[in-house]
């Protein structure tokens, strides 16, 4: 069925027009596919950013609860929070801060990777579109020559 429609279209408008239209559709499709992939990866990066913020908030709440429990335990036992206990708490806080810094860096790197993948997907879509255009040029020219020859034959007979 589709071949009949295409044959009629090619006979009416010329094979070159049909080849050019096909190339245009393929080019547009490649570009839009790249855009869609980029948008999806950008969306994933944004979701990851929001999830990372939630995880960081949860970690901080747990840390605050743990520090409050430690202070309460020290106060209940009558140990002053000065001197050695304070220095231990300070070192513990430094270690936790460094750990959180590494977690935050890891999460930002993951988000950046998703964004870079999105840009790459779009670039690949554009390259596919360019490739389609370049590869289709000889076909379009051949179809143009065919249309030209058919037209000349009709003119010579008529």
N, C-alpha and C. Protein backbone atom coordinates (compact mmCIF):
# COMPACT_ATOMS: atom_id res chain seq x y z
N UNK A 1 0.82 -1.19 0.00
CA UNK A 1 0.00 0.00 0.00
C UNK A 1 0.86 1.26 0.00
N UNK A 2 1.85 1.30 0.95
CA UNK A 2 2.69 2.48 1.05
C UNK A 2 3.53 2.66 -0.21
N UNK A 3 3.95 1.53 -0.80
CA UNK A 3 4.76 1.63 -2.01
C UNK A 3 3.96 2.21 -3.17
N UNK A 4 2.70 1.87 -3.23
CA UNK A 4 1.83 2.42 -4.27
C UNK A 4 1.69 3.93 -4.10
N UNK A 5 1.49 4.35 -2.88
CA UNK A 5 1.37 5.78 -2.59
C UNK A 5 2.67 6.50 -2.95
N UNK A 6 3.79 5.92 -2.55
CA UNK A 6 5.08 6.54 -2.85
C UNK A 6 5.35 6.59 -4.35
N UNK A 7 5.00 5.54 -5.05
CA UNK A 7 5.20 5.51 -6.50
C UNK A 7 4.35 6.58 -7.18
N UNK A 8 3.11 6.75 -6.75
CA UNK A 8 2.24 7.77 -7.32
C UNK A 8 2.80 9.16 -7.02
N UNK A 9 3.27 9.36 -5.77
CA UNK A 9 3.83 10.64 -5.37
C UNK A 9 5.08 10.95 -6.20
N UNK A 10 5.94 9.93 -6.37
CA UNK A 10 7.17 10.12 -7.14
C UNK A 10 6.84 10.44 -8.60
N UNK A 11 5.82 9.78 -9.16
CA UNK A 11 5.43 10.05 -10.54
C UNK A 11 4.88 11.46 -10.69
N UNK A 12 4.15 11.92 -9.70
CA UNK A 12 3.52 13.24 -9.79
C UNK A 12 4.52 14.36 -9.51
N UNK A 13 5.31 14.23 -8.45
CA UNK A 13 6.19 15.32 -8.02
C UNK A 13 7.66 15.08 -8.34
N UNK A 14 8.02 13.89 -8.69
CA UNK A 14 9.40 13.59 -9.02
C UNK A 14 10.11 12.86 -7.89
N UNK A 15 10.99 11.98 -8.27
CA UNK A 15 11.74 11.18 -7.30
C UNK A 15 12.65 12.05 -6.45
N UNK A 16 13.17 13.13 -7.04
CA UNK A 16 14.06 14.02 -6.29
C UNK A 16 13.31 14.66 -5.13
N UNK A 17 12.09 15.08 -5.36
CA UNK A 17 11.28 15.69 -4.30
C UNK A 17 11.01 14.67 -3.20
N UNK A 18 10.70 13.46 -3.60
CA UNK A 18 10.44 12.40 -2.63
C UNK A 18 11.70 12.10 -1.81
N UNK A 19 12.85 12.03 -2.47
CA UNK A 19 14.11 11.77 -1.76
C UNK A 19 14.45 12.91 -0.80
N UNK A 20 14.21 14.14 -1.25
CA UNK A 20 14.49 15.30 -0.40
C UNK A 20 13.56 15.30 0.82
N UNK A 21 12.29 14.98 0.60
CA UNK A 21 11.34 14.94 1.71
C UNK A 21 11.73 13.85 2.72
N UNK A 22 12.13 12.70 2.22
CA UNK A 22 12.56 11.61 3.09
C UNK A 22 13.78 12.02 3.90
N UNK A 23 14.72 12.71 3.26
CA UNK A 23 15.92 13.18 3.95
C UNK A 23 15.55 14.18 5.03
N UNK A 24 14.63 15.08 4.70
CA UNK A 24 14.21 16.08 5.68
C UNK A 24 13.58 15.42 6.90
N UNK A 25 12.74 14.43 6.68
CA UNK A 25 12.09 13.74 7.79
C UNK A 25 13.12 13.01 8.64
N UNK A 26 14.06 12.33 8.01
CA UNK A 26 15.11 11.61 8.76
C UNK A 26 15.98 12.57 9.56
N UNK A 27 16.32 13.70 8.95
CA UNK A 27 17.14 14.71 9.62
C UNK A 27 16.42 15.26 10.84
N UNK A 28 15.17 15.63 10.64
CA UNK A 28 14.37 16.17 11.73
C UNK A 28 14.24 15.14 12.85
N UNK A 29 14.02 13.90 12.50
CA UNK A 29 13.87 12.83 13.48
C UNK A 29 15.15 12.68 14.31
N UNK A 30 16.30 12.71 13.66
CA UNK A 30 17.57 12.57 14.37
C UNK A 30 17.77 13.72 15.35
N UNK A 31 17.45 14.94 14.93
CA UNK A 31 17.61 16.10 15.80
C UNK A 31 16.67 16.00 16.99
N UNK A 32 15.42 15.67 16.74
CA UNK A 32 14.44 15.59 17.82
C UNK A 32 14.75 14.45 18.79
N UNK A 33 15.29 13.35 18.29
CA UNK A 33 15.69 12.25 19.17
C UNK A 33 16.79 12.71 20.11
N UNK A 34 17.78 13.42 19.57
CA UNK A 34 18.86 13.96 20.41
C UNK A 34 18.33 14.93 21.46
N UNK A 35 17.41 15.80 21.06
CA UNK A 35 16.82 16.74 22.01
C UNK A 35 16.06 16.01 23.12
N UNK A 36 15.28 15.01 22.73
CA UNK A 36 14.49 14.26 23.72
C UNK A 36 15.39 13.55 24.72
N UNK A 37 16.48 12.96 24.22
CA UNK A 37 17.41 12.27 25.13
C UNK A 37 18.06 13.27 26.08
N UNK A 38 18.43 14.45 25.55
CA UNK A 38 19.03 15.45 26.41
C UNK A 38 18.04 15.90 27.48
N UNK A 39 16.81 16.16 27.10
CA UNK A 39 15.80 16.59 28.07
C UNK A 39 15.58 15.54 29.15
N UNK A 40 15.57 14.26 28.77
CA UNK A 40 15.39 13.18 29.73
C UNK A 40 16.55 13.13 30.72
N UNK A 41 17.77 13.27 30.23
CA UNK A 41 18.93 13.22 31.12
C UNK A 41 19.00 14.46 32.00
N UNK A 42 18.58 15.61 31.49
CA UNK A 42 18.51 16.82 32.32
C UNK A 42 17.48 16.63 33.44
N UNK A 43 16.35 16.00 33.10
CA UNK A 43 15.32 15.72 34.11
C UNK A 43 15.87 14.78 35.18
N UNK A 44 16.61 13.76 34.75
CA UNK A 44 17.20 12.82 35.71
C UNK A 44 18.20 13.54 36.62
N UNK A 45 18.98 14.45 36.05
CA UNK A 45 19.96 15.19 36.86
C UNK A 45 19.25 16.05 37.89
N UNK A 46 18.15 16.68 37.50
CA UNK A 46 17.38 17.49 38.44
C UNK A 46 16.77 16.63 39.54
N UNK A 47 16.24 15.47 39.17
CA UNK A 47 15.70 14.55 40.18
C UNK A 47 16.79 14.10 41.14
N UNK A 48 17.98 13.85 40.62
CA UNK A 48 19.10 13.44 41.46
C UNK A 48 19.50 14.57 42.41
N UNK A 49 19.47 15.81 41.93
CA UNK A 49 19.80 16.96 42.78
C UNK A 49 18.81 17.07 43.94
N UNK A 50 17.53 16.90 43.65
CA UNK A 50 16.50 16.98 44.69
C UNK A 50 16.65 15.84 45.68
N UNK A 51 16.90 14.64 45.17
CA UNK A 51 17.08 13.48 46.05
C UNK A 51 18.33 13.67 46.93
N UNK A 52 19.39 14.24 46.36
CA UNK A 52 20.61 14.47 47.14
C UNK A 52 20.35 15.46 48.26
N UNK A 53 19.56 16.49 47.98
CA UNK A 53 19.22 17.45 49.03
C UNK A 53 18.44 16.77 50.15
N UNK A 54 17.53 15.88 49.78
CA UNK A 54 16.76 15.14 50.78
C UNK A 54 17.65 14.24 51.63
N UNK A 55 18.60 13.56 50.97
CA UNK A 55 19.51 12.68 51.71
C UNK A 55 20.41 13.49 52.64
N UNK A 56 20.86 14.65 52.18
CA UNK A 56 21.71 15.49 53.02
C UNK A 56 20.94 15.99 54.24
N UNK A 57 19.71 16.40 54.03
CA UNK A 57 18.88 16.86 55.15
C UNK A 57 18.68 15.74 56.17
N UNK A 58 18.43 14.52 55.66
CA UNK A 58 18.24 13.38 56.56
C UNK A 58 19.52 13.08 57.34
N UNK A 59 20.68 13.14 56.66
CA UNK A 59 21.96 12.90 57.35
C UNK A 59 22.18 13.93 58.45
N UNK A 60 21.89 15.19 58.15
CA UNK A 60 22.09 16.25 59.15
C UNK A 60 21.16 16.07 60.35
N UNK A 61 19.91 15.68 60.08
CA UNK A 61 18.98 15.45 61.19
C UNK A 61 19.47 14.31 62.08
N UNK A 62 19.99 13.24 61.45
CA UNK A 62 20.51 12.12 62.22
C UNK A 62 21.74 12.54 63.03
N UNK A 63 22.60 13.35 62.41
CA UNK A 63 23.80 13.83 63.09
C UNK A 63 23.42 14.70 64.29
N UNK A 64 22.48 15.62 64.06
CA UNK A 64 22.05 16.49 65.16
C UNK A 64 21.44 15.67 66.30
N UNK A 65 20.64 14.67 65.96
CA UNK A 65 20.04 13.81 67.00
C UNK A 65 21.12 13.06 67.77
N UNK A 66 22.14 12.58 67.03
CA UNK A 66 23.22 11.85 67.68
C UNK A 66 24.04 12.77 68.59
N UNK A 67 24.34 13.97 68.11
CA UNK A 67 25.11 14.92 68.94
C UNK A 67 24.30 15.33 70.17
N UNK A 68 23.00 15.53 69.99
CA UNK A 68 22.16 15.89 71.14
C UNK A 68 22.12 14.75 72.15
N UNK A 69 22.03 13.52 71.66
CA UNK A 69 22.03 12.36 72.55
C UNK A 69 23.35 12.24 73.29
N UNK A 70 24.46 12.50 72.61
CA UNK A 70 25.78 12.45 73.26
C UNK A 70 25.88 13.52 74.35
N UNK A 71 25.42 14.74 74.04
CA UNK A 71 25.48 15.81 75.03
C UNK A 71 24.59 15.49 76.24
N UNK A 72 23.41 14.93 75.96
CA UNK A 72 22.51 14.56 77.05
C UNK A 72 23.14 13.47 77.92
N UNK A 73 23.78 12.50 77.29
CA UNK A 73 24.41 11.41 78.04
C UNK A 73 25.55 11.94 78.89
N UNK A 74 26.34 12.85 78.31
CA UNK A 74 27.45 13.43 79.09
C UNK A 74 26.91 14.23 80.27
N UNK A 75 25.87 15.02 80.02
CA UNK A 75 25.30 15.84 81.10
C UNK A 75 24.68 14.96 82.18
N UNK A 76 24.04 13.88 81.78
CA UNK A 76 23.39 12.98 82.74
C UNK A 76 24.42 12.26 83.60
N UNK A 77 25.58 12.00 83.02
CA UNK A 77 26.60 11.28 83.78
C UNK A 77 27.46 12.22 84.61
N UNK A 78 27.23 13.52 84.44
CA UNK A 78 27.97 14.49 85.24
C UNK A 78 29.32 14.84 84.66
N UNK A 79 29.59 14.39 83.45
CA UNK A 79 30.89 14.70 82.82
C UNK A 79 30.76 16.08 82.18
N UNK A 80 31.73 16.93 82.43
CA UNK A 80 31.71 18.27 81.84
C UNK A 80 32.01 18.14 80.35
N UNK A 81 31.42 19.04 79.59
CA UNK A 81 31.63 19.00 78.13
C UNK A 81 32.80 19.88 77.75
N UNK A 82 33.72 20.05 78.69
CA UNK A 82 34.94 20.81 78.41
C UNK A 82 36.11 19.84 78.40
N UNK A 83 37.20 20.28 77.80
CA UNK A 83 38.41 19.47 77.81
C UNK A 83 38.34 18.32 76.82
N UNK A 84 38.68 17.12 77.29
CA UNK A 84 38.76 15.95 76.42
C UNK A 84 37.45 15.62 75.73
N UNK A 85 36.32 15.59 76.40
CA UNK A 85 35.06 15.31 75.69
C UNK A 85 34.78 16.32 74.57
N UNK A 86 35.12 17.58 74.82
CA UNK A 86 34.89 18.62 73.80
C UNK A 86 35.80 18.40 72.60
N UNK A 87 37.06 18.05 72.87
CA UNK A 87 37.99 17.83 71.76
C UNK A 87 37.62 16.59 70.96
N UNK A 88 37.11 15.57 71.63
CA UNK A 88 36.64 14.36 70.94
C UNK A 88 35.45 14.71 70.06
N UNK A 89 34.53 15.50 70.58
CA UNK A 89 33.36 15.92 69.81
C UNK A 89 33.77 16.76 68.60
N UNK A 90 34.78 17.62 68.82
CA UNK A 90 35.26 18.46 67.71
C UNK A 90 35.88 17.60 66.61
N UNK A 91 36.70 16.65 66.97
CA UNK A 91 37.32 15.76 65.98
C UNK A 91 36.26 14.93 65.26
N UNK A 92 35.28 14.47 66.01
CA UNK A 92 34.19 13.71 65.42
C UNK A 92 33.42 14.57 64.42
N UNK A 93 33.15 15.81 64.78
CA UNK A 93 32.44 16.73 63.88
C UNK A 93 33.27 17.00 62.62
N UNK A 94 34.58 17.13 62.77
CA UNK A 94 35.45 17.35 61.60
C UNK A 94 35.40 16.14 60.66
N UNK A 95 35.45 14.95 61.23
CA UNK A 95 35.41 13.73 60.40
C UNK A 95 34.07 13.62 59.69
N UNK A 96 33.00 13.92 60.40
CA UNK A 96 31.66 13.86 59.79
C UNK A 96 31.55 14.89 58.67
N UNK A 97 32.08 16.08 58.91
CA UNK A 97 32.04 17.14 57.91
C UNK A 97 32.80 16.74 56.65
N UNK A 98 33.97 16.14 56.82
CA UNK A 98 34.75 15.68 55.67
C UNK A 98 33.99 14.60 54.90
N UNK A 99 33.37 13.69 55.64
CA UNK A 99 32.59 12.63 55.01
C UNK A 99 31.42 13.21 54.23
N UNK A 100 30.71 14.17 54.81
CA UNK A 100 29.60 14.80 54.11
C UNK A 100 30.07 15.56 52.88
N UNK A 101 31.24 16.17 52.99
CA UNK A 101 31.81 16.87 51.84
C UNK A 101 32.07 15.92 50.68
N UNK A 102 32.59 14.74 50.98
CA UNK A 102 32.85 13.74 49.95
C UNK A 102 31.54 13.23 49.34
N UNK A 103 30.54 13.02 50.18
CA UNK A 103 29.23 12.56 49.68
C UNK A 103 28.63 13.62 48.76
N UNK A 104 28.71 14.89 49.20
CA UNK A 104 28.18 15.98 48.37
C UNK A 104 28.90 16.08 47.04
N UNK A 105 30.23 15.95 47.07
CA UNK A 105 31.01 15.99 45.84
C UNK A 105 30.61 14.86 44.90
N UNK A 106 30.46 13.66 45.46
CA UNK A 106 30.06 12.50 44.66
C UNK A 106 28.70 12.73 44.00
N UNK A 107 27.77 13.30 44.74
CA UNK A 107 26.44 13.55 44.19
C UNK A 107 26.47 14.63 43.11
N UNK A 108 27.28 15.67 43.30
CA UNK A 108 27.39 16.71 42.27
C UNK A 108 28.05 16.16 41.01
N UNK A 109 29.03 15.28 41.19
CA UNK A 109 29.68 14.65 40.03
C UNK A 109 28.68 13.81 39.24
N UNK A 110 27.82 13.08 39.95
CA UNK A 110 26.81 12.26 39.29
C UNK A 110 25.85 13.14 38.48
N UNK A 111 25.42 14.25 39.08
CA UNK A 111 24.52 15.17 38.37
C UNK A 111 25.22 15.75 37.13
N UNK A 112 26.48 16.12 37.28
CA UNK A 112 27.24 16.66 36.16
C UNK A 112 27.39 15.64 35.05
N UNK A 113 27.60 14.39 35.43
CA UNK A 113 27.73 13.33 34.43
C UNK A 113 26.43 13.17 33.63
N UNK A 114 25.30 13.22 34.31
CA UNK A 114 24.01 13.11 33.60
C UNK A 114 23.83 14.28 32.63
N UNK A 115 24.21 15.46 33.05
CA UNK A 115 24.09 16.63 32.16
C UNK A 115 25.02 16.50 30.95
N UNK A 116 26.24 16.02 31.20
CA UNK A 116 27.17 15.82 30.07
C UNK A 116 26.65 14.76 29.11
N UNK A 117 26.06 13.71 29.66
CA UNK A 117 25.47 12.67 28.79
C UNK A 117 24.35 13.27 27.95
N UNK A 118 23.57 14.18 28.53
CA UNK A 118 22.50 14.84 27.78
C UNK A 118 23.05 15.67 26.64
N UNK A 119 24.09 16.42 26.91
CA UNK A 119 24.72 17.23 25.85
C UNK A 119 25.28 16.33 24.76
N UNK A 120 25.88 15.21 25.16
CA UNK A 120 26.44 14.28 24.19
C UNK A 120 25.33 13.67 23.34
N UNK A 121 24.20 13.33 23.95
CA UNK A 121 23.08 12.76 23.20
C UNK A 121 22.58 13.75 22.15
N UNK A 122 22.51 15.00 22.55
CA UNK A 122 22.05 16.02 21.60
C UNK A 122 23.07 16.18 20.47
N UNK A 123 24.34 16.19 20.81
CA UNK A 123 25.38 16.29 19.79
C UNK A 123 25.33 15.11 18.82
N UNK A 124 25.12 13.92 19.38
CA UNK A 124 25.02 12.73 18.52
C UNK A 124 23.80 12.81 17.61
N UNK A 125 22.70 13.36 18.11
CA UNK A 125 21.52 13.56 17.27
C UNK A 125 21.81 14.52 16.13
N UNK A 126 22.52 15.59 16.44
CA UNK A 126 22.88 16.55 15.41
C UNK A 126 23.86 15.95 14.40
N UNK A 127 24.79 15.14 14.89
CA UNK A 127 25.72 14.48 13.96
C UNK A 127 24.98 13.48 13.08
N UNK A 128 24.01 12.78 13.65
CA UNK A 128 23.21 11.85 12.85
C UNK A 128 22.44 12.59 11.77
N UNK A 129 21.92 13.78 12.12
CA UNK A 129 21.20 14.58 11.14
C UNK A 129 22.13 15.04 10.02
N UNK A 130 23.32 15.46 10.39
CA UNK A 130 24.30 15.89 9.40
C UNK A 130 24.69 14.72 8.51
N UNK A 131 24.89 13.57 9.11
CA UNK A 131 25.24 12.37 8.34
C UNK A 131 24.13 12.02 7.35
N UNK A 132 22.89 12.13 7.80
CA UNK A 132 21.75 11.85 6.92
C UNK A 132 21.77 12.79 5.72
N UNK A 133 22.00 14.06 5.99
CA UNK A 133 22.04 15.04 4.90
C UNK A 133 23.16 14.72 3.91
N UNK A 134 24.35 14.44 4.45
CA UNK A 134 25.49 14.17 3.58
C UNK A 134 25.33 12.87 2.79
N UNK A 135 24.81 11.85 3.45
CA UNK A 135 24.63 10.56 2.77
C UNK A 135 23.49 10.58 1.77
N UNK A 136 22.53 11.47 1.97
CA UNK A 136 21.37 11.52 1.07
C UNK A 136 21.61 12.38 -0.16
N UNK A 137 22.61 13.23 -0.13
CA UNK A 137 22.86 14.13 -1.26
C UNK A 137 23.02 13.38 -2.59
N UNK A 138 23.82 12.31 -2.64
CA UNK A 138 23.95 11.59 -3.91
C UNK A 138 22.61 10.96 -4.36
N UNK A 139 21.83 10.48 -3.41
CA UNK A 139 20.53 9.90 -3.76
C UNK A 139 19.59 10.96 -4.34
N UNK A 140 19.60 12.12 -3.73
CA UNK A 140 18.74 13.20 -4.23
C UNK A 140 19.20 13.63 -5.62
N UNK A 141 20.52 13.74 -5.79
CA UNK A 141 21.04 14.13 -7.10
C UNK A 141 20.70 13.07 -8.15
N UNK A 142 20.85 11.79 -7.79
CA UNK A 142 20.50 10.71 -8.72
C UNK A 142 19.03 10.74 -9.08
N UNK A 143 18.19 11.00 -8.09
CA UNK A 143 16.75 11.10 -8.35
C UNK A 143 16.44 12.30 -9.24
N UNK A 144 17.17 13.39 -9.02
CA UNK A 144 17.00 14.58 -9.87
C UNK A 144 17.38 14.26 -11.31
N UNK A 145 18.50 13.56 -11.48
CA UNK A 145 18.93 13.18 -12.84
C UNK A 145 17.90 12.26 -13.49
N UNK A 146 17.35 11.33 -12.73
CA UNK A 146 16.33 10.43 -13.24
C UNK A 146 15.09 11.22 -13.68
N UNK A 147 14.65 12.14 -12.82
CA UNK A 147 13.49 12.98 -13.18
C UNK A 147 13.78 13.78 -14.45
N UNK A 148 14.98 14.30 -14.54
CA UNK A 148 15.38 15.11 -15.70
C UNK A 148 15.36 14.25 -16.97
N UNK A 149 15.90 13.04 -16.88
CA UNK A 149 15.93 12.14 -18.05
C UNK A 149 14.51 11.74 -18.47
N UNK A 150 13.65 11.45 -17.51
CA UNK A 150 12.26 11.09 -17.83
C UNK A 150 11.57 12.25 -18.51
N UNK A 151 11.78 13.44 -18.00
CA UNK A 151 11.17 14.64 -18.58
C UNK A 151 11.66 14.86 -20.02
N UNK A 152 12.96 14.68 -20.23
CA UNK A 152 13.52 14.85 -21.58
C UNK A 152 12.96 13.80 -22.54
N UNK A 153 12.82 12.56 -22.06
CA UNK A 153 12.26 11.51 -22.92
C UNK A 153 10.83 11.82 -23.29
N UNK A 154 10.06 12.34 -22.34
CA UNK A 154 8.67 12.71 -22.65
C UNK A 154 8.61 13.85 -23.66
N UNK A 155 9.52 14.81 -23.53
CA UNK A 155 9.55 15.94 -24.45
C UNK A 155 9.96 15.49 -25.86
N UNK A 156 10.88 14.54 -25.95
CA UNK A 156 11.34 14.05 -27.25
C UNK A 156 10.28 13.23 -27.95
N UNK A 157 9.45 12.52 -27.20
CA UNK A 157 8.37 11.73 -27.79
C UNK A 157 7.18 12.62 -28.19
N UNK A 158 6.99 13.68 -27.48
CA UNK A 158 5.80 14.48 -27.65
C UNK A 158 6.07 15.71 -28.40
